[in-house]
Amino acid sequence: MFLVYIIYSLKFDRYYIGMTEEINRRLLEHNNRKNQSTKAFIPWEVVNIESFGSRIAVREREKYLKSAAGRRWRKLNIRPRGATE
């Protein structure tokens, strides 16, 4: 099973979108500064997970979520705990 995930840094009000097969391991990597793109913005928490049957499908969804339309979708549908509007 392939997953696309959205993580959020409350401290910095930032989102990150990625894909993985093991969400717990991946979140630990983000919070342990093992990812160049996210290490400056810890701590991270998972705010959305979607599962797909193929790597191609999960990659298409990840690309959509990183697009302008995907950012609009995220703004309307994802509400992190404690986030300000």
C-alpha atoms as a PDB file:
ATOM      1  CA  MET A   1       0.000   0.000   0.000  1.00  0.00           C
ATOM      2  CA  PHE A   2       1.326   3.411  -0.979  1.00  0.00           C
ATOM      3  CA  LEU A   3       0.490   6.529   1.001  1.00  0.00           C
ATOM      4  CA  VAL A   4       0.499  10.228   0.263  1.00  0.00           C
ATOM      5  CA  TYR A   5       0.706  12.288   3.424  1.00  0.00           C
ATOM      6  CA  ILE A   6       0.529  15.877   4.546  1.00  0.00           C
ATOM      7  CA  ILE A   7       2.455  16.933   7.612  1.00  0.00           C
ATOM      8  CA  TYR A   8       2.191  20.270   9.353  1.00  0.00           C
ATOM      9  CA  SER A   9       4.524  22.305  11.543  1.00  0.00           C
ATOM     10  CA  LEU A  10       2.418  24.358  13.943  1.00  0.00           C
ATOM     11  CA  LYS A  11       5.453  26.281  15.150  1.00  0.00           C
ATOM     12  CA  PHE A  12       6.222  27.556  11.624  1.00  0.00           C
ATOM     13  CA  ASP A  13       2.748  27.229  10.004  1.00  0.00           C
ATOM     14  CA  ARG A  14       4.194  25.111   7.172  1.00  0.00           C
ATOM     15  CA  TYR A  15       2.981  22.058   5.283  1.00  0.00           C
ATOM     16  CA  TYR A  16       4.950  19.302   3.594  1.00  0.00           C
ATOM     17  CA  ILE A  17       3.524  16.728   1.174  1.00  0.00           C
ATOM     18  CA  GLY A  18       5.201  13.406   0.495  1.00  0.00           C
ATOM     19  CA  MET A  19       4.678   9.740  -0.285  1.00  0.00           C
ATOM     20  CA  THR A  20       5.779   6.598   1.503  1.00  0.00           C
ATOM     21  CA  GLU A  21       4.911   3.015   2.333  1.00  0.00           C
ATOM     22  CA  GLU A  22       5.677   3.429   6.059  1.00  0.00           C
ATOM     23  CA  ILE A  23       4.205   6.594   7.560  1.00  0.00           C
ATOM     24  CA  ASN A  24       5.530   6.104  11.110  1.00  0.00           C
ATOM     25  CA  ARG A  25       9.112   5.674   9.919  1.00  0.00           C
ATOM     26  CA  ARG A  26       8.788   8.626   7.580  1.00  0.00           C
ATOM     27  CA  LEU A  27       7.418  10.937  10.290  1.00  0.00           C
ATOM     28  CA  LEU A  28      10.323   9.959  12.547  1.00  0.00           C
ATOM     29  CA  GLU A  29      12.753  10.837   9.762  1.00  0.00           C
ATOM     30  CA  HIS A  30      11.156  14.267   9.373  1.00  0.00           C
ATOM     31  CA  ASN A  31      11.233  14.946  13.113  1.00  0.00           C
ATOM     32  CA  ASN A  32      14.801  13.625  13.466  1.00  0.00           C
ATOM     33  CA  ARG A  33      16.076  16.102  10.848  1.00  0.00           C
ATOM     34  CA  LYS A  34      16.873  13.465   8.227  1.00  0.00           C
ATOM     35  CA  ASN A  35      15.111  15.364   5.431  1.00  0.00           C
ATOM     36  CA  GLN A  36      16.772  18.505   4.079  1.00  0.00           C
ATOM     37  CA  SER A  37      13.456  20.140   3.181  1.00  0.00           C
ATOM     38  CA  THR A  38      11.862  19.734   6.605  1.00  0.00           C
ATOM     39  CA  LYS A  39      14.651  19.705   9.187  1.00  0.00           C
ATOM     40  CA  ALA A  40      14.444  23.421   9.972  1.00  0.00           C
ATOM     41  CA  PHE A  41      10.735  23.298  10.788  1.00  0.00           C
ATOM     42  CA  ILE A  42      10.328  20.544  13.407  1.00  0.00           C
ATOM     43  CA  PRO A  43       8.170  19.356  15.073  1.00  0.00           C
ATOM     44  CA  TRP A  44       5.865  17.892  12.415  1.00  0.00           C
ATOM     45  CA  GLU A  45       2.537  16.136  12.836  1.00  0.00           C
ATOM     46  CA  VAL A  46       0.545  14.137  10.302  1.00  0.00           C
ATOM     47  CA  VAL A  47      -2.659  15.945   9.318  1.00  0.00           C
ATOM     48  CA  ASN A  48      -3.779  13.842   6.337  1.00  0.00           C
ATOM     49  CA  ILE A  49      -3.071  10.378   4.889  1.00  0.00           C
ATOM     50  CA  GLU A  50      -4.512   8.841   1.716  1.00  0.00           C
ATOM     51  CA  SER A  51      -3.776   5.303   0.522  1.00  0.00           C
ATOM     52  CA  PHE A  52      -3.417   4.054  -3.059  1.00  0.00           C
ATOM     53  CA  GLY A  53      -2.846   0.708  -4.702  1.00  0.00           C
ATOM     54  CA  SER A  54      -0.021   1.739  -6.996  1.00  0.00           C
ATOM     55  CA  ARG A  55       3.040   3.963  -6.939  1.00  0.00           C
ATOM     56  CA  ILE A  56       1.786   5.721 -10.091  1.00  0.00           C
ATOM     57  CA  ALA A  57      -1.545   6.665  -8.475  1.00  0.00           C
ATOM     58  CA  VAL A  58       0.098   7.942  -5.303  1.00  0.00           C
ATOM     59  CA  ARG A  59       2.590  10.003  -7.308  1.00  0.00           C
ATOM     60  CA  GLU A  60      -0.230  11.597  -9.324  1.00  0.00           C
ATOM     61  CA  ARG A  61      -2.047  12.562  -6.115  1.00  0.00           C
ATOM     62  CA  GLU A  62       1.172  13.942  -4.591  1.00  0.00           C
ATOM     63  CA  LYS A  63       1.761  16.083  -7.684  1.00  0.00           C
ATOM     64  CA  TYR A  64      -1.825  17.366  -7.520  1.00  0.00           C
ATOM     65  CA  LEU A  65      -1.512  18.290  -3.837  1.00  0.00           C
ATOM     66  CA  LYS A  66       1.659  20.259  -4.621  1.00  0.00           C
ATOM     67  CA  SER A  67      -0.074  22.201  -7.420  1.00  0.00           C
ATOM     68  CA  ALA A  68      -2.016  25.453  -7.026  1.00  0.00           C
ATOM     69  CA  ALA A  69      -5.306  23.534  -7.197  1.00  0.00           C
ATOM     70  CA  GLY A  70      -4.039  21.130  -4.534  1.00  0.00           C
ATOM     71  CA  ARG A  71      -3.076  24.006  -2.249  1.00  0.00           C
ATOM     72  CA  ARG A  72      -6.607  25.397  -2.625  1.00  0.00           C
ATOM     73  CA  TRP A  73      -8.035  21.934  -1.807  1.00  0.00           C
ATOM     74  CA  ARG A  74      -5.779  21.695   1.261  1.00  0.00           C
ATOM     75  CA  LYS A  75      -6.846  25.123   2.486  1.00  0.00           C
ATOM     76  CA  LEU A  76     -10.516  24.103   2.289  1.00  0.00           C
ATOM     77  CA  ASN A  77     -10.192  20.552   3.651  1.00  0.00           C
ATOM     78  CA  ILE A  78      -7.259  20.294   6.065  1.00  0.00           C
ATOM     79  CA  ARG A  79      -7.530  21.931   9.481  1.00  0.00           C
ATOM     80  CA  PRO A  80      -4.507  21.223  11.726  1.00  0.00           C
ATOM     81  CA  ARG A  81      -5.038  21.366  15.486  1.00  0.00           C
ATOM     82  CA  GLY A  82      -4.100  24.769  16.844  1.00  0.00           C
ATOM     83  CA  ALA A  83      -3.508  26.363  13.440  1.00  0.00           C
ATOM     84  CA  THR A  84      -4.508  29.973  12.954  1.00  0.00           C
ATOM     85  CA  GLU A  85      -6.560  31.120  10.000  1.00  0.00           C
END
